[in-house]
């Protein structure tokens, strides 16, 4: 097909801030996980699909199948929809301890829009 460009599971975007490899990146409504580290303003490849261990809000219990949102202000995942962008679903339970700050997320590959406050 003449119009095909790429599969889209990895996109190159301009990092809005400095980002480390494996960290979430939100550019407009595009969300992905950084493949490499990049300085703010530099190009960075991001994965838009797949399953990743990502930073999450501590003291927040997750169950497999819960919708997961990106809290761009705090650069972490949350199950709170208001003001955050839908990025995927939890694929493993996480207890609600204050130290439970990593969650396993399957990215939906569809670009979410922030839920109104």
Protein backbone atom coordinates (compact mmCIF):
# COMPACT_ATOMS: atom_id res chain seq x y z
CA UNK A 1 0.00 0.00 0.00
CA UNK A 2 1.47 3.32 -1.05
CA UNK A 3 0.19 5.32 1.93
CA UNK A 4 1.59 3.02 4.70
CA UNK A 5 4.31 4.68 6.82
CA UNK A 6 4.87 2.45 9.89
CA UNK A 7 3.11 0.17 12.37
CA UNK A 8 3.03 2.89 15.05
CA UNK A 9 3.96 0.76 18.06
CA UNK A 10 7.07 2.96 18.37
CA UNK A 11 6.87 6.69 17.60
CA UNK A 12 9.51 9.39 17.81
CA UNK A 13 8.30 12.49 19.65
CA UNK A 14 9.91 15.58 21.14
CA UNK A 15 10.37 15.03 24.89
CA UNK A 16 8.46 17.77 26.76
CA UNK A 17 10.91 17.45 29.70
CA UNK A 18 13.95 15.34 30.48
CA UNK A 19 12.95 11.69 30.53
CA UNK A 20 14.67 8.46 31.52
CA UNK A 21 14.47 5.17 29.68
CA UNK A 22 11.34 3.32 30.80
CA UNK A 23 9.50 6.43 32.00
CA UNK A 24 6.09 7.58 30.75
CA UNK A 25 5.90 10.39 28.21
CA UNK A 26 2.78 12.38 27.34
CA UNK A 27 2.90 14.66 24.30
CA UNK A 28 -0.49 16.18 23.63
CA UNK A 29 -2.70 13.10 23.70
CA UNK A 30 0.08 10.68 22.65
CA UNK A 31 1.31 8.48 25.50
CA UNK A 32 4.17 6.03 25.44
CA UNK A 33 7.12 4.71 27.39
CA UNK A 34 10.55 6.14 26.57
CA UNK A 35 12.87 3.65 24.87
CA UNK A 36 15.93 5.76 25.70
CA UNK A 37 16.73 8.70 27.94
CA UNK A 38 16.39 12.15 26.40
CA UNK A 39 16.76 15.77 27.39
CA UNK A 40 13.72 18.04 27.21
CA UNK A 41 13.27 19.21 23.63
CA UNK A 42 15.17 16.24 22.17
CA UNK A 43 13.69 13.50 20.04
CA UNK A 44 12.86 10.32 21.96
CA UNK A 45 11.38 7.06 20.69
CA UNK A 46 8.40 5.86 22.74
CA UNK A 47 6.57 2.53 22.79
CA UNK A 48 2.81 3.01 22.54
CA UNK A 49 1.82 -0.64 23.05
CA UNK A 50 2.97 -3.47 25.28
CA UNK A 51 3.10 -4.28 29.00
CA UNK A 52 5.29 -2.14 31.27
CA UNK A 53 6.12 -1.74 34.96
CA UNK A 54 5.42 1.95 35.57
CA UNK A 55 5.48 4.35 38.51
CA UNK A 56 2.10 4.58 40.23
CA UNK A 57 0.45 6.46 43.04
CA UNK A 58 1.37 4.86 46.38
CA UNK A 59 -1.43 3.82 48.75
CA UNK A 60 -3.65 3.04 45.77
CA UNK A 61 -4.85 -0.54 45.31
CA UNK A 62 -5.02 -1.90 41.77
CA UNK A 63 -6.86 -4.97 40.53
CA UNK A 64 -6.25 -6.70 37.21
CA UNK A 65 -8.46 -5.03 34.62
CA UNK A 66 -8.67 -1.64 36.35
CA UNK A 67 -8.44 1.30 33.95
CA UNK A 68 -5.13 3.13 34.34
CA UNK A 69 -4.60 6.84 33.68
CA UNK A 70 -1.47 9.00 33.37
CA UNK A 71 -1.11 11.78 35.95
CA UNK A 72 1.16 14.07 33.94
CA UNK A 73 1.65 16.57 36.77
CA UNK A 74 3.20 13.87 38.99
CA UNK A 75 4.59 11.68 36.15
CA UNK A 76 2.93 8.48 37.38
CA UNK A 77 -0.02 6.17 36.79
CA UNK A 78 -3.26 6.31 38.73
CA UNK A 79 -6.74 4.86 38.71
CA UNK A 80 -8.18 8.37 39.14
CA UNK A 81 -9.77 9.44 35.85
CA UNK A 82 -10.45 13.12 36.52
CA UNK A 83 -7.91 15.35 34.80
CA UNK A 84 -5.77 12.42 33.62
CA UNK A 85 -5.28 10.62 30.28
CA UNK A 86 -6.45 7.01 29.86
CA UNK A 87 -3.40 4.91 28.89
CA UNK A 88 -4.39 1.27 29.47
CA UNK A 89 -5.31 -1.36 32.05
CA UNK A 90 -3.66 -2.94 35.06
CA UNK A 91 -2.65 -6.53 34.33
CA UNK A 92 -1.66 -7.53 37.86
CA UNK A 93 -2.98 -6.63 41.30
CA UNK A 94 -1.02 -4.18 43.46
CA UNK A 95 -1.71 -3.77 47.20
CA UNK A 96 -2.50 -0.35 48.63
CA UNK A 97 0.65 0.14 50.71
CA UNK A 98 2.44 3.48 50.65
CA UNK A 99 5.54 1.73 49.30
CA UNK A 100 3.66 0.00 46.45
CA UNK A 101 4.68 2.49 43.77
CA UNK A 102 5.08 0.25 40.71
CA UNK A 103 2.20 -1.16 38.68
CA UNK A 104 2.09 -3.39 35.62
CA UNK A 105 0.17 -1.70 32.80
CA UNK A 106 -0.85 -2.90 29.36
CA UNK A 107 -0.88 0.22 27.18
CA UNK A 108 -3.98 0.54 25.07
CA UNK A 109 -2.17 2.08 22.08
CA UNK A 110 -5.12 4.46 21.63
CA UNK A 111 -4.53 8.03 22.53
CA UNK A 112 -6.59 9.11 25.50
CA UNK A 113 -7.84 12.53 26.26
CA UNK A 114 -7.83 13.97 29.75
CA UNK A 115 -11.06 13.45 31.63
CA UNK A 116 -12.63 16.78 32.57
CA UNK A 117 -12.21 17.91 36.17
